C-alpha atoms as a PDB file:
ATOM      1  CA  MET A   1      27.046  -9.949   5.213  1.00  0.00           C
ATOM      2  CA  SER A   2      23.966 -13.070   5.545  1.00  0.00           C
ATOM      3  CA  MET A   3      22.630 -13.452   2.228  1.00  0.00           C
ATOM      4  CA  HIS A   4      18.762 -12.524   3.766  1.00  0.00           C
ATOM      5  CA  ARG A   5      20.577  -9.459   5.850  1.00  0.00           C
ATOM      6  CA  LEU A   6      22.376  -7.733   2.589  1.00  0.00           C
ATOM      7  CA  ALA A   7      18.690  -8.642   0.459  1.00  0.00           C
ATOM      8  CA  THR A   8      16.898  -7.080   4.108  1.00  0.00           C
ATOM      9  CA  HIS A   9      19.354  -3.739   3.329  1.00  0.00           C
ATOM     10  CA  SER A  10      18.959  -3.865   0.004  1.00  0.00           C
ATOM     11  CA  LEU A  11      14.743  -3.287   0.172  1.00  0.00           C
ATOM     12  CA  ALA A  12      15.192  -0.967   3.286  1.00  0.00           C
ATOM     13  CA  MET A  13      17.401   1.667   0.868  1.00  0.00           C
ATOM     14  CA  THR A  14      14.849   0.511  -2.521  1.00  0.00           C
ATOM     15  CA  PHE A  15      11.431   1.891   0.320  1.00  0.00           C
ATOM     16  CA  THR A  16      13.733   4.764   1.530  1.00  0.00           C
ATOM     17  CA  ALA A  17      13.960   6.094  -1.933  1.00  0.00           C
ATOM     18  CA  VAL A  18      10.733   5.740  -2.875  1.00  0.00           C
ATOM     19  CA  LEU A  19       9.093   7.203  -0.115  1.00  0.00           C
ATOM     20  CA  ILE A  20      11.541  10.122  -0.429  1.00  0.00           C
ATOM     21  CA  ALA A  21      10.633  10.429  -3.917  1.00  0.00           C
ATOM     22  CA  ALA A  22       6.958  10.510  -3.210  1.00  0.00           C
ATOM     23  CA  SER A  23       7.226  13.102   0.044  1.00  0.00           C
ATOM     24  CA  SER A  24       8.683  15.715  -2.538  1.00  0.00           C
ATOM     25  CA  THR A  25       5.467  15.247  -4.779  1.00  0.00           C
ATOM     26  CA  ILE A  26       3.030  14.811  -2.185  1.00  0.00           C
ATOM     27  CA  HIS A  27       4.574  18.247  -0.641  1.00  0.00           C
ATOM     28  CA  ALA A  28       4.121  19.954  -4.021  1.00  0.00           C
ATOM     29  CA  ASP A  29       3.265  24.056  -3.860  1.00  0.00           C
ATOM     30  CA  PRO A  30       0.123  24.009  -5.918  1.00  0.00           C
ATOM     31  CA  VAL A  31       0.433  28.058  -6.341  1.00  0.00           C
ATOM     32  CA  GLN A  32       4.199  26.998  -7.709  1.00  0.00           C
ATOM     33  CA  GLU A  33       2.995  25.053 -10.141  1.00  0.00           C
ATOM     34  CA  LEU A  34       0.036  27.097 -11.317  1.00  0.00           C
ATOM     35  CA  PHE A  35       2.927  29.860 -11.700  1.00  0.00           C
ATOM     36  CA  ASN A  36       5.065  27.241 -13.985  1.00  0.00           C
ATOM     37  CA  ASP A  37       1.815  26.278 -16.237  1.00  0.00           C
ATOM     38  CA  LEU A  38       1.655  29.882 -16.818  1.00  0.00           C
ATOM     39  CA  ASP A  39       4.771  30.701 -17.267  1.00  0.00           C
ATOM     40  CA  ALA A  40       4.658  29.926 -20.959  1.00  0.00           C
ATOM     41  CA  ASP A  41       8.470  30.843 -21.727  1.00  0.00           C
ATOM     42  CA  LYS A  42       9.678  30.189 -18.456  1.00  0.00           C
ATOM     43  CA  ASP A  43      11.349  32.991 -17.768  1.00  0.00           C
ATOM     44  CA  GLY A  44      10.696  33.037 -14.185  1.00  0.00           C
ATOM     45  CA  LYS A  45       8.043  35.938 -14.605  1.00  0.00           C
ATOM     46  CA  LEU A  46       4.706  36.510 -16.128  1.00  0.00           C
ATOM     47  CA  SER A  47       3.851  38.953 -18.688  1.00  0.00           C
ATOM     48  CA  TRP A  48       0.716  39.719 -18.783  1.00  0.00           C
ATOM     49  CA  GLN A  49      -0.315  38.100 -21.828  1.00  0.00           C
ATOM     50  CA  GLU A  50       0.892  34.907 -20.291  1.00  0.00           C
ATOM     51  CA  SER A  51      -1.985  35.889 -17.447  1.00  0.00           C
ATOM     52  CA  ILE A  52      -4.789  36.295 -19.651  1.00  0.00           C
ATOM     53  CA  THR A  53      -5.182  32.249 -19.720  1.00  0.00           C
ATOM     54  CA  TYR A  54      -6.569  32.758 -16.378  1.00  0.00           C
ATOM     55  CA  ALA A  55      -9.656  34.692 -15.666  1.00  0.00           C
ATOM     56  CA  ASP A  56      -8.860  35.653 -12.293  1.00  0.00           C
ATOM     57  CA  LEU A  57      -5.397  36.799 -12.368  1.00  0.00           C
ATOM     58  CA  LYS A  58      -6.080  38.881 -15.664  1.00  0.00           C
ATOM     59  CA  THR A  59      -8.239  40.719 -13.805  1.00  0.00           C
ATOM     60  CA  TYR A  60      -5.748  41.520 -10.490  1.00  0.00           C
ATOM     61  CA  PHE A  61      -2.565  41.382 -12.560  1.00  0.00           C
ATOM     62  CA  SER A  62      -2.332  45.632 -12.173  1.00  0.00           C
ATOM     63  CA  SER A  63      -2.835  45.203  -8.505  1.00  0.00           C
ATOM     64  CA  LEU A  64      -0.250  42.382  -7.898  1.00  0.00           C
ATOM     65  CA  ASP A  65       2.741  43.749 -10.142  1.00  0.00           C
ATOM     66  CA  ALA A  66       4.455  45.653  -7.377  1.00  0.00           C
ATOM     67  CA  ASN A  67       6.892  47.098  -9.078  1.00  0.00           C
ATOM     68  CA  GLN A  68       4.286  47.539 -12.156  1.00  0.00           C
ATOM     69  CA  ASP A  69       7.204  46.417 -14.280  1.00  0.00           C
ATOM     70  CA  GLY A  70       4.600  44.455 -16.370  1.00  0.00           C
ATOM     71  CA  TYR A  71       5.336  41.180 -14.944  1.00  0.00           C
ATOM     72  CA  LEU A  72       4.687  38.983 -11.777  1.00  0.00           C
ATOM     73  CA  SER A  73       7.456  37.822  -9.786  1.00  0.00           C
ATOM     74  CA  PRO A  74       6.732  34.087  -7.657  1.00  0.00           C
ATOM     75  CA  PHE A  75       6.526  36.552  -5.030  1.00  0.00           C
ATOM     76  CA  GLU A  76       4.174  39.017  -6.580  1.00  0.00           C
ATOM     77  CA  PHE A  77       2.578  36.079  -7.514  1.00  0.00           C
ATOM     78  CA  GLY A  78       2.383  34.703  -3.589  1.00  0.00           C
ATOM     79  CA  VAL A  79       4.855  31.704  -4.637  1.00  0.00           C
ATOM     80  CA  THR A  80       6.069  30.801  -1.151  1.00  0.00           C
ATOM     81  CA  PRO A  81      10.169  30.157  -0.774  1.00  0.00           C
ATOM     82  CA  ARG A  82      11.502  27.102  -0.279  1.00  0.00           C
ATOM     83  CA  ALA A  83      13.798  26.561   2.696  1.00  0.00           C
ATOM     84  CA  GLN A  84      16.932  25.021   1.114  1.00  0.00           C
ATOM     85  CA  SER A  85      17.929  21.525   2.903  1.00  0.00           C
END
């Protein structure tokens, strides 16, 4: 493989890696990001205490808590499951 061809291949691979990293940031789910921000103890669910930092959520917490367990799951919060690739 010539030096020019090797450099071109290396540049293409680097560019591809940058695009993949950028696309994962661009397509981030804003609802998932909000859920993660509110989930202070990172247990994968939102408690009433965690929800009071967001005024609209505090108002609707009980109606969103479909199984009335005192927590909002990502599904109850409205996070769309991501397809596995």
